[in-house]
Amino acid sequence: MRVKLYREHKYVSFALSELEKLIAKTDFMNDAATAHIQSEWQHIREMLEGHARHEEHNFHALLEKKGSTIHHEAHNDHEHQEETLKNLQYLLDAIKTKPDPVEAGYQFYLAFRKFVGDNLLHLHEEETKLLPELQRLCTDEELRAIEYPTYDLMTAEEMRVMVQVLFPHMNFSDKYAFLTDIKLAQPDKFLQLLKQANSFLSSEEVERLQKSQMVFS
């Protein structure tokens, strides 16, 4: 099986969906509830901005290096996302100043819901068009190497926090792929991470991991 990028999209999709549901039931007459949305939105915005930068600097740069232009639409989506995030921030901030905060909150909800739908299409395009192109043009070693600088900088504890966030939204194949990349990039940190496997894998998954060659090879 080829190396597969974009696995973290499962978490991105989950996080946006959860915030959409939270916004839908928020009472925007309640200042504390509105402040909570502001806080949750800020986390999501920072995650999306960082995610887009990572794809631009790594996936898109690699495609350019290989002479491909298939990423141009995704690049345009990222630029449009910046504008959309600014507009969403404006709509959210306006709730405090509008004479009717309930209506202002509803307008923010509508805009955010549309953004979620647009983003789902964006993720789909990346996984059905960019990923096959990356796999066609690059070796598995080149694809794995994309994440190596990140793992070089992370501590084993930071890796544990990362997988605890991502793994609840992934199947065992995804988790195995993440752990394989960490092992290849940072074998010593991988061994430290493995000591805490029960904090991010189920007992059944730990057993499957132990039966695989990953732990012992």
C-alpha atoms as a PDB file:
ATOM      1  CA  MET A   1       0.000   0.000   0.000  1.00  0.00           C
ATOM      2  CA  ARG A   2       1.321   3.431  -0.969  1.00  0.00           C
ATOM      3  CA  VAL A   3       2.032   6.143   1.580  1.00  0.00           C
ATOM      4  CA  LYS A   4      -1.158   8.173   1.993  1.00  0.00           C
ATOM      5  CA  LEU A   5      -1.099  11.830   2.981  1.00  0.00           C
ATOM      6  CA  TYR A   6      -4.049  13.896   4.254  1.00  0.00           C
ATOM      7  CA  ARG A   7      -5.095  11.402   6.952  1.00  0.00           C
ATOM      8  CA  GLU A   8      -5.484  14.308   9.394  1.00  0.00           C
ATOM      9  CA  HIS A   9      -8.416  15.532   7.283  1.00  0.00           C
ATOM     10  CA  LYS A  10     -10.596  13.214   9.350  1.00  0.00           C
ATOM     11  CA  TYR A  11      -9.882  15.359  12.398  1.00  0.00           C
ATOM     12  CA  VAL A  12     -10.328  18.623  10.467  1.00  0.00           C
ATOM     13  CA  SER A  13     -13.757  17.499   9.267  1.00  0.00           C
ATOM     14  CA  PHE A  14     -14.769  16.420  12.780  1.00  0.00           C
ATOM     15  CA  ALA A  15     -13.624  19.672  14.395  1.00  0.00           C
ATOM     16  CA  LEU A  16     -15.541  21.850  11.927  1.00  0.00           C
ATOM     17  CA  SER A  17     -18.666  19.725  12.266  1.00  0.00           C
ATOM     18  CA  GLU A  18     -18.562  19.924  16.058  1.00  0.00           C
ATOM     19  CA  LEU A  19     -18.231  23.699  15.993  1.00  0.00           C
ATOM     20  CA  GLU A  20     -21.084  23.979  13.515  1.00  0.00           C
ATOM     21  CA  LYS A  21     -23.324  21.994  15.880  1.00  0.00           C
ATOM     22  CA  LEU A  22     -22.229  24.158  18.813  1.00  0.00           C
ATOM     23  CA  ILE A  23     -22.986  27.384  16.953  1.00  0.00           C
ATOM     24  CA  ALA A  24     -26.392  26.031  15.901  1.00  0.00           C
ATOM     25  CA  LYS A  25     -27.569  25.688  19.508  1.00  0.00           C
ATOM     26  CA  THR A  26     -25.875  28.766  20.974  1.00  0.00           C
ATOM     27  CA  ASP A  27     -28.009  31.458  22.606  1.00  0.00           C
ATOM     28  CA  PHE A  28     -26.365  34.631  21.332  1.00  0.00           C
ATOM     29  CA  MET A  29     -28.274  36.690  23.888  1.00  0.00           C
ATOM     30  CA  ASN A  30     -25.994  35.049  26.453  1.00  0.00           C
ATOM     31  CA  ASP A  31     -22.625  36.829  26.634  1.00  0.00           C
ATOM     32  CA  ALA A  32     -20.867  33.831  28.192  1.00  0.00           C
ATOM     33  CA  ALA A  33     -22.147  31.514  25.464  1.00  0.00           C
ATOM     34  CA  THR A  34     -21.009  33.950  22.771  1.00  0.00           C
ATOM     35  CA  ALA A  35     -17.584  34.237  24.419  1.00  0.00           C
ATOM     36  CA  HIS A  36     -17.334  30.432  24.382  1.00  0.00           C
ATOM     37  CA  ILE A  37     -17.978  30.422  20.620  1.00  0.00           C
ATOM     38  CA  GLN A  38     -15.281  33.088  20.210  1.00  0.00           C
ATOM     39  CA  SER A  39     -12.807  30.875  22.052  1.00  0.00           C
ATOM     40  CA  GLU A  40     -13.675  27.697  20.143  1.00  0.00           C
ATOM     41  CA  TRP A  41     -13.633  29.602  16.849  1.00  0.00           C
ATOM     42  CA  GLN A  42     -10.164  30.957  17.576  1.00  0.00           C
ATOM     43  CA  HIS A  43      -8.815  27.429  18.050  1.00  0.00           C
ATOM     44  CA  ILE A  44     -10.399  26.289  14.786  1.00  0.00           C
ATOM     45  CA  ARG A  45      -9.148  29.326  12.874  1.00  0.00           C
ATOM     46  CA  GLU A  46      -5.562  28.802  14.050  1.00  0.00           C
ATOM     47  CA  MET A  47      -5.762  25.100  13.183  1.00  0.00           C
ATOM     48  CA  LEU A  48      -7.051  25.821   9.673  1.00  0.00           C
ATOM     49  CA  GLU A  49      -4.429  28.487   9.014  1.00  0.00           C
ATOM     50  CA  GLY A  50      -1.631  26.202  10.184  1.00  0.00           C
ATOM     51  CA  HIS A  51      -3.000  23.301   8.167  1.00  0.00           C
ATOM     52  CA  ALA A  52      -3.104  25.395   4.992  1.00  0.00           C
ATOM     53  CA  ARG A  53       0.456  26.662   5.545  1.00  0.00           C
ATOM     54  CA  HIS A  54       1.688  23.100   6.007  1.00  0.00           C
ATOM     55  CA  GLU A  55       0.094  21.972   2.747  1.00  0.00           C
ATOM     56  CA  GLU A  56       1.374  25.003   0.838  1.00  0.00           C
ATOM     57  CA  HIS A  57       4.962  24.720   2.084  1.00  0.00           C
ATOM     58  CA  ASN A  58       5.200  20.949   1.758  1.00  0.00           C
ATOM     59  CA  PHE A  59       2.648  19.240  -0.498  1.00  0.00           C
ATOM     60  CA  HIS A  60       2.284  22.054  -3.016  1.00  0.00           C
ATOM     61  CA  ALA A  61       6.002  22.819  -3.002  1.00  0.00           C
ATOM     62  CA  LEU A  62       6.747  19.165  -3.752  1.00  0.00           C
ATOM     63  CA  LEU A  63       4.266  19.139  -6.644  1.00  0.00           C
ATOM     64  CA  GLU A  64       5.866  22.283  -8.070  1.00  0.00           C
ATOM     65  CA  LYS A  65       9.280  20.666  -7.763  1.00  0.00           C
ATOM     66  CA  LYS A  66       7.968  17.748  -9.824  1.00  0.00           C
ATOM     67  CA  GLY A  67       6.584  20.091 -12.483  1.00  0.00           C
ATOM     68  CA  SER A  68       2.908  19.572 -11.667  1.00  0.00           C
ATOM     69  CA  THR A  69       0.280  22.325 -11.664  1.00  0.00           C
ATOM     70  CA  ILE A  70      -2.616  20.249 -10.308  1.00  0.00           C
ATOM     71  CA  HIS A  71      -2.446  22.031  -6.962  1.00  0.00           C
ATOM     72  CA  HIS A  72      -3.332  25.482  -8.314  1.00  0.00           C
ATOM     73  CA  GLU A  73      -7.039  25.119  -7.518  1.00  0.00           C
ATOM     74  CA  ALA A  74      -6.263  23.995  -3.967  1.00  0.00           C
ATOM     75  CA  HIS A  75      -3.889  26.946  -3.639  1.00  0.00           C
ATOM     76  CA  ASN A  76      -6.661  29.305  -4.729  1.00  0.00           C
ATOM     77  CA  ASP A  77      -8.953  27.664  -2.180  1.00  0.00           C
ATOM     78  CA  HIS A  78      -6.408  28.412   0.539  1.00  0.00           C
ATOM     79  CA  GLU A  79      -6.242  32.062  -0.494  1.00  0.00           C
ATOM     80  CA  HIS A  80     -10.037  32.274  -0.544  1.00  0.00           C
ATOM     81  CA  GLN A  81     -10.102  30.597   2.870  1.00  0.00           C
ATOM     82  CA  GLU A  82      -8.087  33.499   4.305  1.00  0.00           C
ATOM     83  CA  GLU A  83     -10.739  35.943   3.099  1.00  0.00           C
ATOM     84  CA  THR A  84     -13.546  33.738   4.394  1.00  0.00           C
ATOM     85  CA  LEU A  85     -11.976  33.397   7.830  1.00  0.00           C
ATOM     86  CA  LYS A  86     -11.651  37.177   8.071  1.00  0.00           C
ATOM     87  CA  ASN A  87     -15.300  37.596   7.096  1.00  0.00           C
ATOM     88  CA  LEU A  88     -16.408  35.001   9.639  1.00  0.00           C
ATOM     89  CA  GLN A  89     -14.406  36.817  12.293  1.00  0.00           C
ATOM     90  CA  TYR A  90     -16.152  40.069  11.336  1.00  0.00           C
ATOM     91  CA  LEU A  91     -19.595  38.442  11.564  1.00  0.00           C
ATOM     92  CA  LEU A  92     -18.771  36.904  14.930  1.00  0.00           C
ATOM     93  CA  ASP A  93     -17.412  40.164  16.352  1.00  0.00           C
ATOM     94  CA  ALA A  94     -20.497  42.003  15.084  1.00  0.00           C
ATOM     95  CA  ILE A  95     -22.789  39.965  17.333  1.00  0.00           C
ATOM     96  CA  LYS A  96     -21.704  42.123  20.285  1.00  0.00           C
ATOM     97  CA  THR A  97     -22.583  45.410  18.538  1.00  0.00           C
ATOM     98  CA  LYS A  98     -25.690  44.560  16.529  1.00  0.00           C
ATOM     99  CA  PRO A  99     -29.065  45.599  17.986  1.00  0.00           C
ATOM    100  CA  ASP A 100     -30.362  42.058  17.414  1.00  0.00           C
ATOM    101  CA  PRO A 101     -27.638  39.573  18.525  1.00  0.00           C
ATOM    102  CA  VAL A 102     -29.884  36.586  17.787  1.00  0.00           C
ATOM    103  CA  GLU A 103     -30.188  37.551  14.121  1.00  0.00           C
ATOM    104  CA  ALA A 104     -26.478  38.410  13.947  1.00  0.00           C
ATOM    105  CA  GLY A 105     -25.667  35.009  15.431  1.00  0.00           C
ATOM    106  CA  TYR A 106     -27.888  33.341  12.845  1.00  0.00           C
ATOM    107  CA  GLN A 107     -26.074  35.117  10.017  1.00  0.00           C
ATOM    108  CA  PHE A 108     -22.758  33.946  11.451  1.00  0.00           C
ATOM    109  CA  TYR A 109     -24.128  30.399  11.639  1.00  0.00           C
ATOM    110  CA  LEU A 110     -25.251  30.469   7.998  1.00  0.00           C
ATOM    111  CA  ALA A 111     -21.855  31.743   6.835  1.00  0.00           C
ATOM    112  CA  PHE A 112     -19.995  29.176   8.918  1.00  0.00           C
ATOM    113  CA  ARG A 113     -22.204  26.329   7.697  1.00  0.00           C
ATOM    114  CA  LYS A 114     -21.493  27.290   4.080  1.00  0.00           C
ATOM    115  CA  PHE A 115     -17.780  27.397   4.870  1.00  0.00           C
ATOM    116  CA  VAL A 116     -17.986  23.869   6.306  1.00  0.00           C
ATOM    117  CA  GLY A 117     -19.637  22.659   3.088  1.00  0.00           C
ATOM    118  CA  ASP A 118     -17.056  24.397   0.900  1.00  0.00           C
ATOM    119  CA  ASN A 119     -14.247  22.986   3.000  1.00  0.00           C
ATOM    120  CA  LEU A 120     -15.555  19.441   2.632  1.00  0.00           C
ATOM    121  CA  LEU A 121     -15.369  19.855  -1.147  1.00  0.00           C
ATOM    122  CA  HIS A 122     -11.824  21.217  -0.776  1.00  0.00           C
ATOM    123  CA  LEU A 123     -10.733  18.205   1.289  1.00  0.00           C
ATOM    124  CA  HIS A 124     -12.334  15.901  -1.271  1.00  0.00           C
ATOM    125  CA  GLU A 125     -10.443  17.533  -4.139  1.00  0.00           C
ATOM    126  CA  GLU A 126      -7.141  17.208  -2.292  1.00  0.00           C
ATOM    127  CA  GLU A 127      -7.622  13.528  -1.540  1.00  0.00           C
ATOM    128  CA  THR A 128      -9.010  12.525  -4.944  1.00  0.00           C
ATOM    129  CA  LYS A 129      -6.783  14.679  -7.196  1.00  0.00           C
ATOM    130  CA  LEU A 130      -3.661  15.882  -5.380  1.00  0.00           C
ATOM    131  CA  LEU A 131      -2.966  12.685  -3.467  1.00  0.00           C
ATOM    132  CA  PRO A 132      -2.949  10.428  -6.568  1.00  0.00           C
ATOM    133  CA  GLU A 133      -0.670  12.931  -8.321  1.00  0.00           C
ATOM    134  CA  LEU A 134       1.734  12.989  -5.365  1.00  0.00           C
ATOM    135  CA  GLN A 135       1.764   9.208  -5.303  1.00  0.00           C
ATOM    136  CA  ARG A 136       2.395   9.063  -9.053  1.00  0.00           C
ATOM    137  CA  LEU A 137       5.262  11.558  -9.028  1.00  0.00           C
ATOM    138  CA  CYS A 138       6.931  10.718  -5.705  1.00  0.00           C
ATOM    139  CA  THR A 139       8.396   7.707  -3.986  1.00  0.00           C
ATOM    140  CA  ASP A 140       7.068   6.611  -0.602  1.00  0.00           C
ATOM    141  CA  GLU A 141      10.325   7.817   0.919  1.00  0.00           C
ATOM    142  CA  GLU A 142       9.769  11.316  -0.496  1.00  0.00           C
ATOM    143  CA  LEU A 143       6.207  11.409   0.815  1.00  0.00           C
ATOM    144  CA  ARG A 144       7.188  10.222   4.286  1.00  0.00           C
ATOM    145  CA  ALA A 145      10.050  12.720   4.426  1.00  0.00           C
ATOM    146  CA  ILE A 146       7.538  15.602   4.310  1.00  0.00           C
ATOM    147  CA  GLU A 147       6.719  15.125   7.988  1.00  0.00           C
ATOM    148  CA  TYR A 148      10.246  14.310   9.172  1.00  0.00           C
ATOM    149  CA  PRO A 149      11.262  17.923   9.994  1.00  0.00           C
ATOM    150  CA  THR A 150       8.161  18.248  12.170  1.00  0.00           C
ATOM    151  CA  TYR A 151       8.964  15.056  14.065  1.00  0.00           C
ATOM    152  CA  ASP A 152      12.567  16.216  14.461  1.00  0.00           C
ATOM    153  CA  LEU A 153      11.314  19.262  16.373  1.00  0.00           C
ATOM    154  CA  MET A 154       8.665  17.522  18.469  1.00  0.00           C
ATOM    155  CA  THR A 155       9.310  15.839  21.791  1.00  0.00           C
ATOM    156  CA  ALA A 156       7.875  12.415  22.552  1.00  0.00           C
ATOM    157  CA  GLU A 157       5.362  14.101  24.856  1.00  0.00           C
ATOM    158  CA  GLU A 158       4.255  16.476  22.107  1.00  0.00           C
ATOM    159  CA  MET A 159       3.808  13.480  19.827  1.00  0.00           C
ATOM    160  CA  ARG A 160       1.647  11.814  22.470  1.00  0.00           C
ATOM    161  CA  VAL A 161      -0.576  14.887  22.704  1.00  0.00           C
ATOM    162  CA  MET A 162      -0.826  15.012  18.905  1.00  0.00           C
ATOM    163  CA  VAL A 163      -1.942  11.407  18.503  1.00  0.00           C
ATOM    164  CA  GLN A 164      -4.368  11.715  21.417  1.00  0.00           C
ATOM    165  CA  VAL A 165      -6.090  14.490  19.460  1.00  0.00           C
ATOM    166  CA  LEU A 166      -6.001  12.775  16.055  1.00  0.00           C
ATOM    167  CA  PHE A 167      -6.459   9.082  16.795  1.00  0.00           C
ATOM    168  CA  PRO A 168     -10.075   9.145  18.094  1.00  0.00           C
ATOM    169  CA  HIS A 169     -11.130  10.085  14.550  1.00  0.00           C
ATOM    170  CA  MET A 170      -9.060   7.474  12.709  1.00  0.00           C
ATOM    171  CA  ASN A 171      -9.133   3.751  12.048  1.00  0.00           C
ATOM    172  CA  PHE A 172      -6.322   1.367  12.939  1.00  0.00           C
ATOM    173  CA  SER A 173      -4.784   1.635   9.466  1.00  0.00           C
ATOM    174  CA  ASP A 174      -4.420   5.407   9.871  1.00  0.00           C
ATOM    175  CA  LYS A 175      -2.951   5.047  13.350  1.00  0.00           C
ATOM    176  CA  TYR A 176      -0.490   2.389  12.188  1.00  0.00           C
ATOM    177  CA  ALA A 177       0.640   4.670   9.341  1.00  0.00           C
ATOM    178  CA  PHE A 178       1.208   7.605  11.727  1.00  0.00           C
ATOM    179  CA  LEU A 179       3.194   5.453  14.140  1.00  0.00           C
ATOM    180  CA  THR A 180       5.231   3.952  11.298  1.00  0.00           C
ATOM    181  CA  ASP A 181       6.221   7.424  10.112  1.00  0.00           C
ATOM    182  CA  ILE A 182       7.234   8.427  13.634  1.00  0.00           C
ATOM    183  CA  LYS A 183       9.283   5.259  14.043  1.00  0.00           C
ATOM    184  CA  LEU A 184      11.123   5.813  10.760  1.00  0.00           C
ATOM    185  CA  ALA A 185      11.728   9.487  11.492  1.00  0.00           C
ATOM    186  CA  GLN A 186      12.565   9.293  15.201  1.00  0.00           C
ATOM    187  CA  PRO A 187      13.062   5.708  16.441  1.00  0.00           C
ATOM    188  CA  ASP A 188      14.107   6.771  19.956  1.00  0.00           C
ATOM    189  CA  LYS A 189      11.103   9.047  20.393  1.00  0.00           C
ATOM    190  CA  PHE A 190       8.908   6.289  18.986  1.00  0.00           C
ATOM    191  CA  LEU A 191      10.050   3.919  21.743  1.00  0.00           C
ATOM    192  CA  GLN A 192       9.238   6.581  24.346  1.00  0.00           C
ATOM    193  CA  LEU A 193       5.839   7.098  22.756  1.00  0.00           C
ATOM    194  CA  LEU A 194       5.159   3.369  22.669  1.00  0.00           C
ATOM    195  CA  LYS A 195       5.527   3.157  26.448  1.00  0.00           C
ATOM    196  CA  GLN A 196       2.326   5.229  26.702  1.00  0.00           C
ATOM    197  CA  ALA A 197       0.418   3.369  23.977  1.00  0.00           C
ATOM    198  CA  ASN A 198      -2.479   2.674  26.351  1.00  0.00           C
ATOM    199  CA  SER A 199      -3.194   6.418  26.484  1.00  0.00           C
ATOM    200  CA  PHE A 200      -3.968   6.659  22.753  1.00  0.00           C
ATOM    201  CA  LEU A 201      -4.780   3.108  21.599  1.00  0.00           C
ATOM    202  CA  SER A 202      -7.440   0.675  22.757  1.00  0.00           C
ATOM    203  CA  SER A 203      -6.337  -2.594  24.369  1.00  0.00           C
ATOM    204  CA  GLU A 204      -7.301  -4.394  21.160  1.00  0.00           C
ATOM    205  CA  GLU A 205      -5.199  -1.994  19.084  1.00  0.00           C
ATOM    206  CA  VAL A 206      -2.231  -2.370  21.433  1.00  0.00           C
ATOM    207  CA  GLU A 207      -2.488  -6.127  20.972  1.00  0.00           C
ATOM    208  CA  ARG A 208      -2.630  -5.772  17.194  1.00  0.00           C
ATOM    209  CA  LEU A 209       0.413  -3.518  17.348  1.00  0.00           C
ATOM    210  CA  GLN A 210       2.299  -6.023  19.457  1.00  0.00           C
ATOM    211  CA  LYS A 211       1.529  -8.786  16.956  1.00  0.00           C
ATOM    212  CA  SER A 212       2.823  -6.661  14.085  1.00  0.00           C
ATOM    213  CA  GLN A 213       6.456  -6.282  13.161  1.00  0.00           C
ATOM    214  CA  MET A 214       6.460  -2.579  14.028  1.00  0.00           C
ATOM    215  CA  VAL A 215       7.300  -3.033  17.695  1.00  0.00           C
ATOM    216  CA  PHE A 216      10.027  -5.578  17.232  1.00  0.00           C
ATOM    217  CA  SER A 217      11.639  -4.785  13.894  1.00  0.00           C
END
